[in-house]
Amino acid sequence: MGDSDVARAPTLRLRAGGRTFELGGRPWLMGIVNASPDSFSDAGRHRTLEDRVALAAELLEAGADVIDIGGESGVTGMPAVAAADEIARVVPLIKRVAGELGALVSVDTYKPLVARAAVAAGATIVNDVSGLREPSLADVCARSGAGLVLMHTRAAPKEKLLDQAFDGRVASDVDRFLRERIAAALERGVAFEQLILDPGPDFGKTPAQTVEVLRALPALHALGRPVLLAVSRKDFVGAITGRPPRARMAGTLAAIGHGVDAGAHILRVHDVADVADFLAVRAALAGEAQVDPALRLAGELRREPSGRGSDEERGGGSREERSGGSREERGGGSREERGGDSRDGRGGAPRDERRAAPR
């Protein structure tokens, strides 16, 4: 996009969990923590509660503004998880992440019972990927004040729908669908400022249809609510690049760059550190962030360490053993795995200054 094509994210207020946030400008980063053993991209790498709490802590340190916790994989063709089982997966994790880590937490669920338990445990946003198929989910948010993500999809949860009849008109369907869901949420008592909109990349869409929707992303600002963009490791990226989930980093960054240009307010991502690095350099080059004339590269970052022996020789294990996958599998190492420093050590704003503060 050229400068004339960039749609700056409008400044909007979000009410969630008794707090009010101002979105716009720098996009929020929503880090993903899966509490399900069959996630399409996690492959069960974080199996225990302690593993998942540690992952949430790493994502927050890398720059996440909110942690999105889900207990049911979006993989289609598999039975849904019983609400009681999903609650058992997410509630202990939400309590730890919201309590011990002090994080803003969203729960990825479409089940009212799970949403109610998650909010009681400390979640302040309900990320509903069903398009409000269960209207009583809105009741949970109306009573608790939790934020509510309304996502476009014509597919039922766990159903794969690839209907080419929507070719060329899926973008208009997204607009119409989200307007209807906004009205439905308001009728159930949810405040307009509690709502977030998600165009639903991949959900009930072919790769070409997802691309059509993303090209039309700026038009969603007419609906007056923050836009959440969830393109991390998605199928459409894999279809275009021919790569499996953990090797889709480059394609994901391309989609994120497009989304930021289109004015996305929230970016839901797996690789928070890499996306934060991408946004930091992008903002500097676009003139959106100042670069201190006195900024210099730290000497230890000038080249890769040499003459100190391999990780295995130093007793740290291989990178694959430490990170749970090779760099090729992940499409690029995270900042922590590359030995990166905090943002303030690299010329960006300190993390505490970048985290969204309640008003």
Protein backbone atom coordinates (compact mmCIF):
# COMPACT_ATOMS: atom_id res chain seq x y z
CA MET A 1 0.00 0.00 0.00
CA GLY A 2 1.11 3.53 -0.65
CA ASP A 3 0.61 6.29 1.91
CA SER A 4 -2.70 7.22 0.31
CA ASP A 5 -3.93 3.63 0.72
CA VAL A 6 -3.11 3.33 4.42
CA ALA A 7 -6.17 3.32 6.68
CA ARG A 8 -5.01 4.43 10.10
CA ALA A 9 -6.70 2.62 12.96
CA PRO A 10 -9.31 5.02 14.33
CA THR A 11 -9.05 5.76 18.04
CA LEU A 12 -11.81 3.84 19.80
CA ARG A 13 -12.67 2.99 23.39
CA LEU A 14 -13.02 -0.58 24.56
CA ARG A 15 -14.78 -1.45 27.79
CA ALA A 16 -13.81 -4.81 29.24
CA GLY A 17 -14.01 -6.19 32.74
CA GLY A 18 -14.76 -2.88 34.41
CA ARG A 19 -11.90 -1.06 32.70
CA THR A 20 -11.77 1.23 29.70
CA PHE A 21 -8.97 1.06 27.15
CA GLU A 22 -8.15 3.31 24.22
CA LEU A 23 -7.23 1.48 21.02
CA GLY A 24 -5.71 2.98 17.90
CA GLY A 25 -2.20 3.90 16.88
CA ARG A 26 0.09 1.02 17.89
CA PRO A 27 -1.85 -2.23 17.54
CA TRP A 28 -2.29 -4.47 20.54
CA LEU A 29 -0.59 -7.86 20.39
CA MET A 30 -2.76 -10.78 21.51
CA GLY A 31 -0.54 -13.73 22.37
CA ILE A 32 -1.99 -17.22 21.92
CA VAL A 33 -1.79 -19.90 24.61
CA ASN A 34 -3.53 -23.16 23.74
CA ALA A 35 -4.75 -25.40 26.54
CA SER A 36 -5.81 -28.12 24.12
CA PRO A 37 -3.68 -31.13 23.15
CA ASP A 38 -4.71 -31.04 19.48
CA SER A 39 -3.98 -27.46 18.40
CA PHE A 40 -3.18 -27.21 14.67
CA SER A 41 0.02 -25.24 15.30
CA ASP A 42 1.08 -26.17 18.82
CA ALA A 43 1.12 -29.95 18.36
CA GLY A 44 0.95 -30.47 22.12
CA ARG A 45 4.27 -28.77 22.83
CA HIS A 46 2.98 -27.19 26.03
CA ARG A 47 1.30 -30.08 27.80
CA THR A 48 1.23 -29.07 31.44
CA LEU A 49 -0.26 -26.14 33.31
CA GLU A 50 3.24 -24.98 34.27
CA ASP A 51 4.34 -25.13 30.62
CA ARG A 52 1.41 -22.95 29.59
CA VAL A 53 1.90 -20.42 32.36
CA ALA A 54 5.57 -20.17 31.36
CA LEU A 55 4.57 -19.62 27.72
CA ALA A 56 2.17 -16.83 28.76
CA ALA A 57 4.95 -15.19 30.76
CA GLU A 58 7.29 -15.37 27.74
CA LEU A 59 4.66 -13.81 25.49
CA LEU A 60 4.05 -10.98 27.95
CA GLU A 61 7.77 -10.33 28.24
CA ALA A 62 7.99 -10.28 24.44
CA GLY A 63 5.35 -7.54 24.27
CA ALA A 64 1.89 -9.13 24.39
CA ASP A 65 -0.86 -6.81 25.62
CA VAL A 66 -3.41 -9.58 26.14
CA ILE A 67 -3.22 -13.37 26.37
CA ASP A 68 -5.86 -15.39 24.49
CA ILE A 69 -6.49 -18.76 26.16
CA GLY A 70 -8.43 -21.52 24.43
CA GLY A 71 -9.37 -25.03 25.51
CA GLU A 72 -10.76 -26.40 22.24
CA SER A 73 -8.85 -26.67 18.98
CA GLY A 74 -10.37 -25.07 15.91
CA VAL A 75 -9.37 -28.12 13.85
CA THR A 76 -12.42 -29.26 11.90
CA GLY A 77 -13.73 -32.79 11.51
CA MET A 78 -13.27 -33.54 15.20
CA PRO A 79 -15.95 -33.64 17.92
CA ALA A 80 -16.44 -30.62 20.15
CA VAL A 81 -15.02 -30.71 23.67
CA ALA A 82 -17.58 -31.01 26.45
CA ALA A 83 -18.05 -27.74 28.33
CA ALA A 84 -16.95 -29.34 31.62
CA ASP A 85 -13.70 -30.58 30.04
CA GLU A 86 -13.03 -27.21 28.43
CA ILE A 87 -13.59 -25.46 31.77
CA ALA A 88 -11.14 -27.84 33.43
CA ARG A 89 -8.53 -26.90 30.82
CA VAL A 90 -8.88 -23.13 30.80
CA VAL A 91 -9.96 -22.01 34.28
CA PRO A 92 -6.78 -23.01 36.19
CA LEU A 93 -4.68 -21.38 33.47
CA ILE A 94 -6.73 -18.17 33.43
CA LYS A 95 -6.46 -17.91 37.22
CA ARG A 96 -2.67 -18.15 37.02
CA VAL A 97 -2.19 -15.85 34.04
CA ALA A 98 -4.61 -13.17 35.25
CA GLY A 99 -3.66 -13.52 38.91
CA GLU A 100 0.04 -14.31 39.16
CA LEU A 101 1.09 -12.61 35.92
CA GLY A 102 -1.41 -9.75 36.13
CA ALA A 103 -2.27 -10.13 32.45
CA LEU A 104 -5.32 -9.01 30.55
CA VAL A 105 -6.88 -12.32 29.45
CA SER A 106 -9.35 -13.27 26.75
CA VAL A 107 -10.95 -16.71 26.53
CA ASP A 108 -11.38 -18.33 23.13
CA THR A 109 -14.74 -20.09 23.43
CA TYR A 110 -18.22 -20.17 21.95
CA LYS A 111 -19.85 -21.96 24.90
CA PRO A 112 -21.77 -19.80 27.44
CA LEU A 113 -20.92 -22.12 30.36
CA VAL A 114 -17.21 -21.91 29.58
CA ALA A 115 -17.38 -18.15 29.12
CA ARG A 116 -19.11 -17.71 32.48
CA ALA A 117 -16.50 -19.82 34.29
CA ALA A 118 -13.63 -18.09 32.47
CA VAL A 119 -14.85 -14.60 33.34
CA ALA A 120 -15.28 -15.66 36.97
CA ALA A 121 -11.67 -16.89 36.87
CA GLY A 122 -10.36 -13.53 35.62
CA ALA A 123 -10.91 -13.31 31.85
CA THR A 124 -12.03 -9.86 30.71
CA ILE A 125 -12.73 -10.59 27.02
CA VAL A 126 -14.72 -13.43 25.42
CA ASN A 127 -13.36 -14.30 21.96
CA ASP A 128 -16.30 -16.05 20.29
CA VAL A 129 -15.35 -17.74 17.01
CA SER A 130 -18.89 -18.95 16.31
CA GLY A 131 -20.40 -15.63 15.27
CA LEU A 132 -22.68 -15.62 18.35
CA ARG A 133 -24.44 -18.86 17.44
CA GLU A 134 -25.34 -19.11 21.12
CA PRO A 135 -27.07 -15.78 21.88
CA SER A 136 -26.83 -16.48 25.62
CA LEU A 137 -23.06 -15.96 25.32
CA ALA A 138 -23.86 -12.27 24.94
CA ASP A 139 -25.78 -12.47 28.22
CA VAL A 140 -22.56 -13.47 30.00
CA CYS A 141 -20.81 -10.37 28.67
CA ALA A 142 -23.80 -8.11 29.37
CA ARG A 143 -23.89 -9.18 33.02
CA SER A 144 -20.13 -9.23 33.63
CA GLY A 145 -19.03 -6.29 31.47
CA ALA A 146 -16.54 -8.49 29.62
CA GLY A 147 -15.53 -7.49 26.11
CA LEU A 148 -17.02 -9.59 23.31
CA VAL A 149 -15.37 -10.49 19.99
CA LEU A 150 -17.89 -10.98 17.19
CA MET A 151 -16.41 -13.02 14.34
CA HIS A 152 -17.74 -13.64 10.85
CA THR A 153 -18.32 -17.26 9.93
CA ARG A 154 -21.03 -19.16 8.10
CA ALA A 155 -19.66 -22.47 9.41
CA ALA A 156 -20.73 -24.08 12.65
CA PRO A 157 -17.95 -24.72 15.19
CA LYS A 158 -15.77 -27.68 14.14
CA GLU A 159 -17.33 -27.63 10.64
CA LYS A 160 -15.30 -27.00 7.50
CA LEU A 161 -17.17 -24.93 4.93
CA LEU A 162 -15.60 -24.04 1.58
CA ASP A 163 -18.46 -22.69 -0.50
CA GLN A 164 -17.40 -21.07 -3.76
CA ALA A 165 -20.86 -19.56 -4.07
CA PHE A 166 -19.48 -16.76 -1.89
CA ASP A 167 -16.69 -15.94 -4.35
CA GLY A 168 -16.74 -12.23 -5.13
CA ARG A 169 -19.30 -11.40 -2.45
CA VAL A 170 -17.82 -12.66 0.80
CA ALA A 171 -16.62 -9.17 1.81
CA SER A 172 -20.15 -7.80 1.59
CA ASP A 173 -21.37 -10.83 3.54
CA VAL A 174 -18.87 -10.03 6.31
CA ASP A 175 -20.24 -6.49 6.56
CA ARG A 176 -23.87 -7.64 6.62
CA PHE A 177 -23.21 -10.50 9.07
CA LEU A 178 -21.29 -8.34 11.56
CA ARG A 179 -23.96 -5.63 11.48
CA GLU A 180 -26.54 -8.29 12.34
CA ARG A 181 -24.43 -9.68 15.17
CA ILE A 182 -23.80 -6.20 16.60
CA ALA A 183 -27.55 -5.65 16.71
CA ALA A 184 -28.10 -9.05 18.35
CA ALA A 185 -25.48 -8.34 21.03
CA LEU A 186 -26.94 -4.92 21.79
CA GLU A 187 -30.40 -6.45 22.14
CA ARG A 188 -29.00 -8.80 24.81
CA GLY A 189 -27.66 -5.87 26.81
CA VAL A 190 -24.02 -5.75 25.67
CA ALA A 191 -22.77 -2.16 25.39
CA PHE A 192 -21.50 -1.00 22.01
CA GLU A 193 -18.10 -0.16 23.55
CA GLN A 194 -17.71 -3.79 24.70
CA LEU A 195 -17.62 -5.10 21.12
CA ILE A 196 -14.64 -6.08 18.96
CA LEU A 197 -15.00 -7.27 15.34
CA ASP A 198 -13.13 -10.10 13.61
CA PRO A 199 -13.60 -10.75 9.85
CA GLY A 200 -12.77 -14.44 10.45
CA PRO A 201 -9.90 -15.33 8.09
CA ASP A 202 -10.16 -19.04 7.09
CA PHE A 203 -13.41 -19.60 9.01
CA GLY A 204 -15.91 -20.85 6.42
CA LYS A 205 -13.75 -19.37 3.66
CA THR A 206 -11.49 -20.61 0.89
CA PRO A 207 -8.02 -19.04 0.68
CA ALA A 208 -9.22 -16.79 -2.15
CA GLN A 209 -12.23 -15.70 -0.10
CA THR A 210 -10.02 -14.90 2.89
CA VAL A 211 -7.81 -12.76 0.66
CA GLU A 212 -10.91 -10.96 -0.63
CA VAL A 213 -12.01 -10.23 2.94
CA LEU A 214 -8.57 -8.94 3.95
CA ARG A 215 -8.36 -6.68 0.92
CA ALA A 216 -11.63 -5.09 2.08
CA LEU A 217 -10.52 -4.76 5.71
CA PRO A 218 -10.56 -0.92 5.82
CA ALA A 219 -14.30 -0.94 5.11
CA LEU A 220 -14.95 -2.52 8.52
CA HIS A 221 -14.07 0.77 10.22
CA ALA A 222 -17.48 2.03 9.13
CA LEU A 223 -18.96 -0.26 11.80
CA GLY A 224 -17.31 1.82 14.51
CA ARG A 225 -15.65 -0.93 16.58
CA PRO A 226 -12.03 -2.12 16.96
CA VAL A 227 -10.92 -4.71 14.40
CA LEU A 228 -9.14 -7.88 15.51
CA LEU A 229 -6.94 -9.55 12.91
CA ALA A 230 -6.18 -13.26 13.37
CA VAL A 231 -3.92 -14.30 10.48
CA SER A 232 -1.08 -16.01 12.34
CA ARG A 233 -0.09 -19.32 10.67
CA LYS A 234 -3.48 -19.51 8.97
CA ASP A 235 -4.39 -21.92 6.17
CA PHE A 236 -4.58 -19.21 3.52
CA VAL A 237 -0.95 -18.33 4.27
CA GLY A 238 -0.02 -22.00 3.98
CA ALA A 239 -1.94 -22.36 0.73
CA ILE A 240 -0.19 -19.36 -0.84
CA THR A 241 3.29 -20.30 0.38
CA GLY A 242 3.05 -24.09 0.43
CA ARG A 243 4.30 -24.25 4.02
CA PRO A 244 3.12 -26.04 7.20
CA PRO A 245 1.93 -24.02 10.22
CA ARG A 246 5.22 -23.43 12.05
CA ALA A 247 7.01 -22.39 8.85
CA ARG A 248 4.55 -19.61 7.96
CA MET A 249 6.27 -16.75 9.79
CA ALA A 250 7.24 -14.78 6.68
CA GLY A 251 3.76 -15.12 5.20
CA THR A 252 2.20 -14.21 8.52
CA LEU A 253 4.27 -11.02 8.71
CA ALA A 254 3.18 -10.06 5.20
CA ALA A 255 -0.45 -10.47 6.22
CA ILE A 256 0.14 -8.52 9.43
CA GLY A 257 1.80 -5.68 7.54
CA HIS A 258 -1.24 -5.50 5.28
CA GLY A 259 -3.54 -5.59 8.30
CA VAL A 260 -1.72 -2.77 10.09
CA ASP A 261 -1.89 -0.67 6.92
CA ALA A 262 -5.63 -1.43 6.86
CA GLY A 263 -6.01 -0.14 10.43
CA ALA A 264 -6.26 -3.32 12.52
CA HIS A 265 -6.42 -2.59 16.25
CA ILE A 266 -5.53 -6.02 17.66
CA LEU A 267 -3.23 -8.68 16.16
CA ARG A 268 -3.76 -12.23 17.41
CA VAL A 269 -0.42 -14.02 16.97
CA HIS A 270 1.60 -17.02 18.07
CA ASP A 271 5.06 -15.47 17.63
CA VAL A 272 4.77 -12.27 19.67
CA ALA A 273 8.50 -11.50 19.74
CA ASP A 274 8.90 -11.72 15.97
CA VAL A 275 5.80 -9.64 15.33
CA ALA A 276 6.95 -7.03 17.88
CA ASP A 277 10.31 -6.81 16.09
CA PHE A 278 8.57 -6.45 12.74
CA LEU A 279 6.32 -3.67 14.04
CA ALA A 280 9.24 -1.86 15.71
CA VAL A 281 11.31 -1.70 12.51
CA ARG A 282 8.24 -0.90 10.42
CA ALA A 283 7.27 1.98 12.72
CA ALA A 284 10.81 3.40 12.59
CA LEU A 285 10.92 3.29 8.80
CA ALA A 286 7.43 4.79 8.50
CA GLY A 287 8.34 7.69 10.77
CA GLU A 288 5.84 6.56 13.38
CA ALA A 289 8.57 5.98 15.99
CA GLN A 290 11.61 8.11 16.74
CA VAL A 291 15.09 6.64 16.40
CA ASP A 292 17.54 8.16 18.86
CA PRO A 293 20.55 9.64 16.99
CA ALA A 294 22.74 8.20 19.74
CA LEU A 295 21.39 4.67 19.19
CA ARG A 296 24.14 2.11 18.57
CA LEU A 297 24.12 -1.65 18.24
CA ALA A 298 25.39 -3.42 21.37
CA GLY A 299 28.73 -5.06 20.71
CA GLU A 300 27.53 -8.55 21.65
CA LEU A 301 24.78 -8.31 19.03
CA ARG A 302 27.11 -7.42 16.15
CA ARG A 303 27.67 -11.04 15.18
CA GLU A 304 26.61 -14.51 16.18
CA PRO A 305 28.63 -15.91 19.12
CA SER A 306 31.70 -17.87 18.03
CA GLY A 307 34.55 -19.68 19.70
CA ARG A 308 32.43 -20.56 22.71
CA GLY A 309 31.33 -23.99 21.59
CA SER A 310 27.90 -25.13 20.50
CA ASP A 311 24.83 -25.03 22.71
CA GLU A 312 25.18 -28.77 23.24
CA GLU A 313 28.85 -28.41 24.31
CA ARG A 314 27.89 -25.67 26.77
CA GLY A 315 25.28 -27.95 28.30
CA GLY A 316 22.29 -25.97 27.11
CA GLY A 317 20.98 -28.59 24.71
CA SER A 318 20.25 -28.01 21.06
CA ARG A 319 18.06 -25.14 19.92
CA GLU A 320 15.42 -27.67 18.91
CA GLU A 321 15.48 -29.20 22.41
CA ARG A 322 15.25 -25.78 24.08
CA SER A 323 12.61 -24.25 21.83
CA GLY A 324 10.50 -27.26 20.96
CA GLY A 325 11.22 -27.07 17.23
CA SER A 326 13.79 -26.09 14.66
CA ARG A 327 13.93 -22.60 13.21
CA GLU A 328 12.81 -24.03 9.88
CA GLU A 329 9.75 -25.56 11.55
CA ARG A 330 8.90 -22.24 13.17
CA GLY A 331 9.68 -20.07 10.16
CA GLY A 332 12.18 -18.04 12.22
CA GLY A 333 13.40 -17.98 15.82
CA SER A 334 11.67 -15.98 18.52
CA ARG A 335 13.44 -13.05 20.19
CA GLU A 336 14.02 -15.08 23.34
CA GLU A 337 15.57 -17.95 21.35
CA ARG A 338 17.82 -15.57 19.43
CA GLY A 339 19.09 -14.03 22.65
CA GLY A 340 17.27 -10.75 22.06
CA ASP A 341 16.91 -8.11 24.73
CA SER A 342 13.86 -6.20 25.88
CA ARG A 343 12.53 -3.52 23.58
CA ASP A 344 14.18 -0.71 25.53
CA GLY A 345 17.56 -2.44 25.05
CA ARG A 346 17.14 -2.24 21.27
CA GLY A 347 16.03 1.33 20.76
CA GLY A 348 12.27 0.77 21.02
CA ALA A 349 9.98 1.91 23.78
CA PRO A 350 10.16 -0.02 27.07
CA ARG A 351 7.52 -2.72 27.34
CA ASP A 352 5.84 -1.04 30.31
CA GLU A 353 5.32 2.08 28.22
CA ARG A 354 3.86 0.09 25.33
CA ARG A 355 1.40 -1.99 27.32
CA ALA A 356 -2.12 -0.64 27.08
CA ALA A 357 -3.01 1.11 30.31
CA PRO A 358 -6.55 1.15 31.67
CA ARG A 359 -8.10 4.56 31.86
